[in-house]
Structures are given as structure tokens and as C-alpha cells.
Amino acid sequence: MRGFGTSAETKQVFEIKDSLSLPQRKSVALAIFLEISNNFEAMQSNLFYRLFTNSGYSAEDIVSDIIGFYRVVEPGRRYIERCEPVSLEEARMIWDVFGPVGNNKNYTGGPFLYSLDKSLKRGGAACGKMPYFLETIRPAQKGVLFREAK
């Protein structure tokens, strides 16, 4: 096992089994990445940070982290375009109806799907599933392949 460290507010160190296959390495990397991302969002959500920012668990945080992870680990694909982003006009309408993304907390890891009745300028939001191309790597469970070092 070898150590791997990260830090946000506190330091976490992980032991990772040697000689993992490429799919296993991606799986372990995603698991650690998601844990660190969630810890960072939780830190931003604590009372001290909330005095300065409303950023912790914003609607887009974990989803955009996952897209960034895939862009680094499996480059060359058009992830953003494949997610079919809305137009600037639709994005502004969503902002006007639902408010800033920091006001819409997302603890799920899946995207918020906003629905607008454009004629009435009102709508609803539901948590959706990630597109299939952003679920090809499954995060490893702590245990055999990696664990938090003590």
C-alpha cells in the first residue's frame, strides 16, 4: 500500500493497493475525489464559511466536479456538449424563477432538472440521474482497493 494525501480544512491520507488495473485506478480515484469533494462542500456549509459565502452544496457543485473528473480521467470526449446545456436566455429564466444556485442546495450528486412554464415564468425542479456517459466509472468502496490511513 502507498499513501495519498489531500487537504481542504483537514488532511486525509489514503492507502491504495499497489498494481491496480486501469479500471480499478479510475474507480479508486473517483471514490477519493467524491469523498474530498463532499468534505469540501461540507466545510463550505459550516457556520463560519456561511458568514462569507453561500457556496456549499450549490446546485451545480458536485455535478460540475464529476464532469471535470471525467474530462481529466477520460479526455477527448465532448462532455459539456453531450450534457445539452440550455441557452443563456433559459439559464437566466431559471435563475429568475429559482434564484441563485447557492440557494438551491444539492446533496444528491445528481443534476437538478429545472422545468419552466415559459408563458407563466414559473416551474419546478427535480433531482435527475447523471447521463450514462458520466456513470461509466463506479466509485470503489473503501476496503480492499483503498482505505483511509490511520
Foldseek 3Di string as FASTA:
>chain_A
DDWDWDDDPHIWIKDFDPDDDLLLVLQQVVQVLLVVQLVNLVVCVDPVNVVPDLPRQFQCRLVVSLVVSCCVSPNDDPVVVVVPDDDPVVVVLCCVAVNDSSVVGDPDSAHKDWDAPVVVSYTDIDGDHDPPVSPPRHHDDDDDGMHIDD
